[in-house]
Amino acid sequence: MRFVIARYPFDLTKSEVQDAMKGKKPESVTGECVIIGRRTYPVKQVGEVITRQDRRDFTSGEVTRALTRLGFTCRPASALTPGTAPATPGS
């Protein structure tokens, strides 16, 4: 499927993305994330690997849209952990 990320066109398939991420250790997730196989990766990390561009050159939204169209599950990092209220000082 053809995508435009950071003004550059890419022809990607789901299997190509999976192969590119094989053996890559997931970084800690702070924003948007994508599930590839059994691992959860930050979309910026996946975008950097598949485009070979610096993370500052594209938005997480661009990569999220592309990965969603390929059939990957993308979600905010807050959806991964149960919602717990942060501890307040003095409690």
C-alpha atoms as a PDB file:
ATOM      1  CA  MET A   1       0.000   0.000   0.000  1.00  0.00           C
ATOM      2  CA  ARG A   2       1.259   3.485  -0.778  1.00  0.00           C
ATOM      3  CA  PHE A   3       1.637   6.037   2.019  1.00  0.00           C
ATOM      4  CA  VAL A   4       3.049   9.527   2.328  1.00  0.00           C
ATOM      5  CA  ILE A   5       5.042  10.124   5.491  1.00  0.00           C
ATOM      6  CA  ALA A   6       6.957  13.389   5.934  1.00  0.00           C
ATOM      7  CA  ARG A   7       6.209  14.315   2.311  1.00  0.00           C
ATOM      8  CA  TYR A   8       7.879  11.135   0.981  1.00  0.00           C
ATOM      9  CA  PRO A   9       5.945   8.259  -0.611  1.00  0.00           C
ATOM     10  CA  PHE A  10       6.443   4.724   0.729  1.00  0.00           C
ATOM     11  CA  ASP A  11       5.156   1.405  -0.571  1.00  0.00           C
ATOM     12  CA  LEU A  12       4.713  -0.809   2.472  1.00  0.00           C
ATOM     13  CA  THR A  13       3.065  -4.096   3.279  1.00  0.00           C
ATOM     14  CA  LYS A  14       2.182  -5.488   6.683  1.00  0.00           C
ATOM     15  CA  SER A  15       4.765  -8.261   6.360  1.00  0.00           C
ATOM     16  CA  GLU A  16       7.509  -5.753   5.471  1.00  0.00           C
ATOM     17  CA  VAL A  17       6.797  -3.789   8.636  1.00  0.00           C
ATOM     18  CA  GLN A  18       6.777  -6.976  10.714  1.00  0.00           C
ATOM     19  CA  ASP A  19      10.096  -8.084   9.186  1.00  0.00           C
ATOM     20  CA  ALA A  20      11.655  -4.656   9.763  1.00  0.00           C
ATOM     21  CA  MET A  21      10.728  -4.766  13.458  1.00  0.00           C
ATOM     22  CA  LYS A  22      11.948  -8.339  14.070  1.00  0.00           C
ATOM     23  CA  GLY A  23      14.712  -8.327  16.638  1.00  0.00           C
ATOM     24  CA  LYS A  24      14.107  -4.691  17.604  1.00  0.00           C
ATOM     25  CA  LYS A  25      13.649  -4.140  21.317  1.00  0.00           C
ATOM     26  CA  PRO A  26      10.630  -1.919  22.033  1.00  0.00           C
ATOM     27  CA  GLU A  27      11.441   1.384  23.687  1.00  0.00           C
ATOM     28  CA  SER A  28       9.285   2.642  26.540  1.00  0.00           C
ATOM     29  CA  VAL A  29       5.934   3.859  25.288  1.00  0.00           C
ATOM     30  CA  THR A  30       4.949   7.401  26.198  1.00  0.00           C
ATOM     31  CA  GLY A  31       2.639   8.448  23.362  1.00  0.00           C
ATOM     32  CA  GLU A  32       0.932   6.550  20.573  1.00  0.00           C
ATOM     33  CA  CYS A  33       1.811   2.881  20.293  1.00  0.00           C
ATOM     34  CA  VAL A  34       1.330   0.013  17.863  1.00  0.00           C
ATOM     35  CA  ILE A  35       1.088  -3.698  18.519  1.00  0.00           C
ATOM     36  CA  ILE A  36       3.264  -5.775  16.198  1.00  0.00           C
ATOM     37  CA  GLY A  37       3.167  -9.461  16.989  1.00  0.00           C
ATOM     38  CA  ARG A  38       3.236  -9.718  20.771  1.00  0.00           C
ATOM     39  CA  ARG A  39       5.191  -6.520  21.308  1.00  0.00           C
ATOM     40  CA  THR A  40       4.059  -2.947  21.780  1.00  0.00           C
ATOM     41  CA  TYR A  41       6.216  -0.301  20.094  1.00  0.00           C
ATOM     42  CA  PRO A  42       6.038   3.489  20.096  1.00  0.00           C
ATOM     43  CA  VAL A  43       4.836   4.568  16.644  1.00  0.00           C
ATOM     44  CA  LYS A  44       7.775   6.976  16.383  1.00  0.00           C
ATOM     45  CA  GLN A  45      10.216   4.060  16.767  1.00  0.00           C
ATOM     46  CA  VAL A  46       8.433   2.066  14.059  1.00  0.00           C
ATOM     47  CA  GLY A  47       8.261   5.128  11.813  1.00  0.00           C
ATOM     48  CA  GLU A  48      11.988   5.693  12.177  1.00  0.00           C
ATOM     49  CA  VAL A  49      12.749   2.079  11.244  1.00  0.00           C
ATOM     50  CA  ILE A  50      10.422   1.820   8.231  1.00  0.00           C
ATOM     51  CA  THR A  51      11.169   5.260   6.769  1.00  0.00           C
ATOM     52  CA  ARG A  52      14.846   5.532   7.785  1.00  0.00           C
ATOM     53  CA  GLN A  53      14.155   9.160   8.693  1.00  0.00           C
ATOM     54  CA  ASP A  54      14.745  11.100  11.873  1.00  0.00           C
ATOM     55  CA  ARG A  55      11.765  11.028  14.239  1.00  0.00           C
ATOM     56  CA  ARG A  56      11.520  14.795  14.110  1.00  0.00           C
ATOM     57  CA  ASP A  57      10.704  14.643  10.384  1.00  0.00           C
ATOM     58  CA  PHE A  58       7.258  13.067  10.782  1.00  0.00           C
ATOM     59  CA  THR A  59       4.351  13.059  13.192  1.00  0.00           C
ATOM     60  CA  SER A  60       3.036  10.086  15.125  1.00  0.00           C
ATOM     61  CA  GLY A  61      -0.309  10.701  13.418  1.00  0.00           C
ATOM     62  CA  GLU A  62       1.162  10.078   9.967  1.00  0.00           C
ATOM     63  CA  VAL A  63       2.650   6.760  11.050  1.00  0.00           C
ATOM     64  CA  THR A  64      -0.453   5.770  13.036  1.00  0.00           C
ATOM     65  CA  ARG A  65      -2.679   6.312   9.973  1.00  0.00           C
ATOM     66  CA  ALA A  66      -0.349   4.248   7.771  1.00  0.00           C
ATOM     67  CA  LEU A  67      -0.056   1.390  10.261  1.00  0.00           C
ATOM     68  CA  THR A  68      -3.818   1.344  10.875  1.00  0.00           C
ATOM     69  CA  ARG A  69      -4.455   1.076   7.135  1.00  0.00           C
ATOM     70  CA  LEU A  70      -2.071  -1.882   7.041  1.00  0.00           C
ATOM     71  CA  GLY A  71      -4.142  -3.608   9.737  1.00  0.00           C
ATOM     72  CA  PHE A  72      -2.077  -3.001  12.871  1.00  0.00           C
ATOM     73  CA  THR A  73      -3.707  -2.055  16.175  1.00  0.00           C
ATOM     74  CA  CYS A  74      -2.691   1.443  17.257  1.00  0.00           C
ATOM     75  CA  ARG A  75      -3.727   3.133  20.477  1.00  0.00           C
ATOM     76  CA  PRO A  76      -2.643   5.780  22.970  1.00  0.00           C
ATOM     77  CA  ALA A  77      -0.201   4.620  25.643  1.00  0.00           C
ATOM     78  CA  SER A  78      -2.758   5.422  28.330  1.00  0.00           C
ATOM     79  CA  ALA A  79      -4.969   2.621  26.948  1.00  0.00           C
ATOM     80  CA  LEU A  80      -2.282   0.048  27.786  1.00  0.00           C
ATOM     81  CA  THR A  81      -2.302   0.525  31.538  1.00  0.00           C
ATOM     82  CA  PRO A  82      -5.352   0.528  33.778  1.00  0.00           C
ATOM     83  CA  GLY A  83      -6.401   4.044  34.676  1.00  0.00           C
ATOM     84  CA  THR A  84      -5.190   4.754  38.162  1.00  0.00           C
ATOM     85  CA  ALA A  85      -5.304   8.076  39.845  1.00  0.00           C
ATOM     86  CA  PRO A  86      -1.861   9.488  40.606  1.00  0.00           C
ATOM     87  CA  ALA A  87      -0.956   9.715  44.260  1.00  0.00           C
ATOM     88  CA  THR A  88      -1.434  13.180  45.660  1.00  0.00           C
ATOM     89  CA  PRO A  89       1.008  14.575  48.186  1.00  0.00           C
ATOM     90  CA  GLY A  90      -0.281  14.657  51.738  1.00  0.00           C
ATOM     91  CA  SER A  91      -2.713  11.768  51.346  1.00  0.00           C
END
